[in-house]
Amino acid sequence: MNQLKKLESIIGYEFRNKEYLQTAIRHSSYVNEHRQKRLHCNERLEFLGDAVLELVSSEHLFGLFPDMPEGELTRLRASLVCEPTLAFCAREIGLGDFLLLGHGEELTGGRHRDSVISDAMEAVIGAIYLDGGFANAKEFILRFILDDIDNKKLFFDSKTIFQEMVQGKIPGEISYHLTGETGPDHDKTFSAEVWIGKKSMGKGTGRTKKAAEQMAAYRAICRLKQQ
């Protein structure tokens, strides 16, 4: 229960029904290992949270960019609610540390896997929606997911943006290197690193090699911006 209180403190929302939050952090591997019903894992809350997230992000972008056409709004929304972005947001609040995982999932790095923590992020949204209604869920989304649109939209095509930032300004060739892969064949996590010449600029992980490279490029972009 102390862990739940700590998570509530981080997200700034106190649940009236703690079971909602408990379910949101309970992965299917934990349920299977403890011989609980499948309905006790976070998949249903993830389903609900995904719908709430799409509505809130659509409404927010619609009001924020009154002159943006539908196609661009759709692409921007996709970049803000895609798996790598949600996983990034989940890591920002340390959500992976609170997850209830089965032993096998724990050993294969599930606590740090994009698919696992992004799903949990959506489940938390669903839990808040059920416990406190739309306004509280919206507040959570605006605070932790839609809080830095200019940077987070870079996830959509970080490699191209990084290429444009570097071209003609920084000497050396851009190269991407696969540095590792973990997990079973049906749910692998890849690690990649981007270099300029002989200098490492960023590291990333993802469910595909391309996603890992996009994450690495994103981190490299953030590094260049800080400089």
Protein backbone atom coordinates (compact mmCIF):
# COMPACT_ATOMS: atom_id res chain seq x y z
CA MET A 1 0.00 0.00 0.00
CA ASN A 2 2.95 2.34 0.66
CA GLN A 3 3.94 1.91 -2.97
CA LEU A 4 0.47 3.00 -4.08
CA LYS A 5 0.68 6.10 -1.88
CA LYS A 6 4.07 6.93 -3.36
CA LEU A 7 2.70 6.61 -6.91
CA GLU A 8 -0.32 8.73 -6.00
CA SER A 9 2.05 11.40 -4.70
CA ILE A 10 4.02 11.38 -7.96
CA ILE A 11 0.96 11.66 -10.23
CA GLY A 12 -0.80 14.14 -7.96
CA TYR A 13 -4.03 12.19 -7.69
CA GLU A 14 -5.38 10.30 -4.67
CA PHE A 15 -7.70 7.42 -5.49
CA ARG A 16 -10.92 6.90 -3.57
CA ASN A 17 -10.94 3.28 -4.78
CA LYS A 18 -7.35 2.03 -4.51
CA GLU A 19 -8.23 -1.15 -6.41
CA TYR A 20 -8.38 0.84 -9.65
CA LEU A 21 -4.74 1.88 -9.27
CA GLN A 22 -3.74 -1.57 -8.07
CA THR A 23 -5.26 -3.07 -11.21
CA ALA A 24 -3.61 -0.48 -13.44
CA ILE A 25 -0.14 -1.61 -12.38
CA ARG A 26 -0.92 -5.35 -12.49
CA HIS A 27 0.52 -6.92 -15.66
CA SER A 28 -1.00 -10.03 -17.23
CA SER A 29 2.16 -12.03 -16.42
CA TYR A 30 1.59 -11.38 -12.70
CA VAL A 31 -2.04 -12.48 -12.96
CA ASN A 32 -1.06 -15.67 -14.79
CA GLU A 33 1.68 -16.53 -12.33
CA HIS A 34 -0.61 -16.00 -9.32
CA ARG A 35 -3.45 -17.92 -10.97
CA GLN A 36 -5.80 -14.98 -10.87
CA LYS A 37 -8.54 -14.28 -13.40
CA ARG A 38 -7.37 -12.62 -16.61
CA LEU A 39 -9.81 -9.78 -15.94
CA HIS A 40 -7.71 -8.80 -12.90
CA CYS A 41 -4.82 -7.52 -15.04
CA ASN A 42 -4.59 -4.00 -16.49
CA GLU A 43 -5.67 -4.77 -20.08
CA ARG A 44 -9.27 -3.58 -19.71
CA LEU A 45 -8.15 -0.33 -18.07
CA GLU A 46 -5.61 0.11 -20.87
CA PHE A 47 -8.44 -0.22 -23.41
CA LEU A 48 -10.44 2.48 -21.62
CA GLY A 49 -7.44 4.76 -21.06
CA ASP A 50 -6.52 4.59 -24.75
CA ALA A 51 -9.96 5.96 -25.69
CA VAL A 52 -9.80 8.74 -23.07
CA LEU A 53 -6.29 9.69 -24.22
CA GLU A 54 -7.39 9.93 -27.85
CA LEU A 55 -10.33 12.18 -26.96
CA VAL A 56 -8.31 14.48 -24.69
CA SER A 57 -5.41 14.78 -27.14
CA SER A 58 -7.81 15.43 -30.05
CA GLU A 59 -9.67 18.15 -28.12
CA HIS A 60 -6.43 19.74 -26.91
CA LEU A 61 -4.78 19.86 -30.33
CA PHE A 62 -8.01 21.06 -31.99
CA GLY A 63 -8.04 24.09 -29.70
CA LEU A 64 -4.28 24.65 -29.66
CA PHE A 65 -3.87 24.72 -33.45
CA PRO A 66 -7.01 26.34 -34.93
CA ASP A 67 -5.45 26.68 -38.40
CA MET A 68 -3.97 23.18 -38.66
CA PRO A 69 -5.71 20.91 -41.23
CA GLU A 70 -7.11 17.51 -40.30
CA GLY A 71 -4.26 15.49 -41.81
CA GLU A 72 -1.59 17.34 -39.84
CA LEU A 73 -3.64 17.12 -36.63
CA THR A 74 -3.92 13.37 -37.13
CA ARG A 75 -0.17 12.97 -37.63
CA LEU A 76 0.63 15.18 -34.64
CA ARG A 77 -1.77 13.27 -32.41
CA ALA A 78 -0.25 9.98 -33.57
CA SER A 79 3.22 11.18 -32.59
CA LEU A 80 2.04 12.25 -29.13
CA VAL A 81 0.19 9.06 -28.21
CA CYS A 82 2.43 6.48 -29.90
CA GLU A 83 4.08 3.75 -27.85
CA PRO A 84 7.58 5.32 -27.64
CA THR A 85 6.14 8.66 -26.48
CA LEU A 86 3.95 7.05 -23.83
CA ALA A 87 6.87 4.91 -22.68
CA PHE A 88 8.99 8.05 -22.41
CA CYS A 89 6.27 9.74 -20.32
CA ALA A 90 5.95 6.63 -18.14
CA ARG A 91 9.70 6.65 -17.47
CA GLU A 92 9.52 10.32 -16.51
CA ILE A 93 7.30 9.40 -13.55
CA GLY A 94 9.10 6.12 -12.85
CA LEU A 95 5.98 4.06 -13.52
CA GLY A 96 7.97 0.92 -14.31
CA ASP A 97 9.20 0.74 -10.71
CA PHE A 98 5.64 0.23 -9.47
CA LEU A 99 4.49 -2.50 -11.86
CA LEU A 100 3.45 -5.95 -10.64
CA LEU A 101 5.11 -8.42 -13.02
CA GLY A 102 5.47 -12.16 -13.24
CA HIS A 103 8.90 -13.60 -12.53
CA GLY A 104 9.61 -14.41 -16.18
CA GLU A 105 8.57 -10.95 -17.36
CA GLU A 106 10.77 -9.40 -14.70
CA LEU A 107 13.80 -11.45 -15.76
CA THR A 108 13.42 -10.48 -19.44
CA GLY A 109 13.36 -6.75 -18.69
CA GLY A 110 9.60 -6.18 -18.82
CA ARG A 111 9.82 -3.36 -16.30
CA HIS A 112 11.73 -1.30 -18.87
CA ARG A 113 10.00 -2.51 -22.04
CA ASP A 114 8.16 0.16 -24.04
CA SER A 115 5.13 -2.04 -24.69
CA VAL A 116 4.67 -2.85 -21.00
CA ILE A 117 5.08 0.61 -19.51
CA SER A 118 3.17 2.43 -22.27
CA ASP A 119 0.23 0.05 -21.72
CA ALA A 120 0.45 0.70 -17.98
CA MET A 121 0.40 4.46 -18.63
CA GLU A 122 -2.88 4.09 -20.51
CA ALA A 123 -4.21 1.84 -17.74
CA VAL A 124 -3.48 4.56 -15.17
CA ILE A 125 -5.45 7.01 -17.31
CA GLY A 126 -8.35 4.54 -17.39
CA ALA A 127 -8.13 4.08 -13.63
CA ILE A 128 -8.22 7.82 -12.96
CA TYR A 129 -11.16 8.20 -15.33
CA LEU A 130 -13.16 5.53 -13.51
CA ASP A 131 -12.26 6.85 -10.07
CA GLY A 132 -12.45 10.60 -10.60
CA GLY A 133 -14.11 11.26 -13.94
CA PHE A 134 -13.07 12.91 -17.17
CA ALA A 135 -11.73 16.16 -15.67
CA ASN A 136 -9.17 14.39 -13.48
CA ALA A 137 -8.07 12.09 -16.31
CA LYS A 138 -7.68 15.11 -18.56
CA GLU A 139 -5.59 16.91 -15.95
CA PHE A 140 -3.25 13.91 -15.69
CA ILE A 141 -2.89 13.69 -19.50
CA LEU A 142 -2.20 17.41 -19.90
CA ARG A 143 0.36 17.33 -17.09
CA PHE A 144 2.30 14.21 -17.99
CA ILE A 145 1.71 13.51 -21.70
CA LEU A 146 0.74 16.70 -23.52
CA ASP A 147 3.02 18.95 -21.47
CA ASP A 148 5.84 19.36 -23.98
CA ILE A 149 4.36 18.99 -27.45
CA ASP A 150 7.26 20.60 -29.34
CA ASN A 151 9.69 17.99 -28.05
CA LYS A 152 7.41 14.96 -27.91
CA LYS A 153 6.20 15.33 -31.48
CA LEU A 154 9.80 14.67 -32.53
CA PHE A 155 9.20 10.99 -31.79
CA PHE A 156 7.20 10.77 -35.02
CA ASP A 157 10.24 11.13 -37.27
CA SER A 158 13.26 11.90 -35.14
CA LYS A 159 15.76 10.43 -37.61
CA THR A 160 14.78 12.86 -40.36
CA ILE A 161 14.76 15.85 -37.99
CA PHE A 162 18.15 14.87 -36.57
CA GLN A 163 19.57 14.55 -40.09
CA GLU A 164 18.33 18.06 -40.94
CA MET A 165 19.76 19.52 -37.73
CA VAL A 166 23.20 18.00 -38.31
CA GLN A 167 23.56 18.42 -42.09
CA GLY A 168 26.17 21.02 -42.98
CA LYS A 169 26.62 22.06 -39.34
CA ILE A 170 28.40 19.18 -37.63
CA PRO A 171 31.18 17.27 -39.40
CA GLY A 172 30.99 13.49 -39.54
CA GLU A 173 28.64 10.85 -40.89
CA ILE A 174 25.51 9.84 -39.00
CA SER A 175 25.32 6.11 -38.28
CA TYR A 176 23.00 3.87 -36.28
CA HIS A 177 24.17 0.73 -34.48
CA LEU A 178 22.09 -2.05 -32.95
CA THR A 179 23.56 -2.61 -29.47
CA GLY A 180 21.34 -5.37 -28.11
CA GLU A 181 18.03 -7.20 -28.03
CA THR A 182 16.12 -8.83 -25.17
CA GLY A 183 12.86 -10.68 -24.64
CA PRO A 184 11.04 -13.51 -26.42
CA ASP A 185 10.61 -13.54 -30.20
CA HIS A 186 7.01 -12.29 -30.03
CA ASP A 187 7.89 -9.31 -27.81
CA LYS A 188 11.51 -8.27 -28.31
CA THR A 189 13.07 -5.03 -27.15
CA PHE A 190 15.89 -3.61 -29.27
CA SER A 191 18.60 -1.17 -28.21
CA ALA A 192 20.30 1.21 -30.62
CA GLU A 193 22.82 4.03 -30.57
CA VAL A 194 23.35 6.92 -32.98
CA TRP A 195 26.79 8.29 -33.74
CA ILE A 196 28.19 11.29 -35.57
CA GLY A 197 31.56 10.17 -36.78
CA LYS A 198 33.22 8.57 -33.75
CA LYS A 199 31.03 10.33 -31.18
CA SER A 200 27.99 8.71 -29.59
CA MET A 201 25.05 11.15 -29.55
CA GLY A 202 22.15 9.16 -28.14
CA LYS A 203 20.82 5.76 -27.09
CA GLY A 204 17.31 4.35 -27.39
CA THR A 205 15.16 1.26 -27.05
CA GLY A 206 12.04 0.07 -28.87
CA ARG A 207 9.98 -2.90 -29.97
CA THR A 208 11.53 -2.69 -33.45
CA LYS A 209 14.98 -1.69 -34.64
CA LYS A 210 13.48 1.40 -36.28
CA ALA A 211 11.73 2.43 -33.05
CA ALA A 212 14.98 2.05 -31.12
CA GLU A 213 16.78 4.21 -33.70
CA GLN A 214 14.01 6.83 -33.51
CA MET A 215 14.40 6.98 -29.74
CA ALA A 216 18.19 7.30 -30.06
CA ALA A 217 17.74 10.12 -32.58
CA TYR A 218 15.26 11.83 -30.27
CA ARG A 219 17.72 11.76 -27.38
CA ALA A 220 20.43 13.10 -29.71
CA ILE A 221 18.12 15.97 -30.73
CA CYS A 222 17.48 16.81 -27.08
CA ARG A 223 21.23 16.79 -26.46
CA LEU A 224 21.90 19.14 -29.36
CA LYS A 225 19.15 21.51 -28.18
CA GLN A 226 20.69 21.66 -24.71
CA GLN A 227 24.03 22.58 -26.24
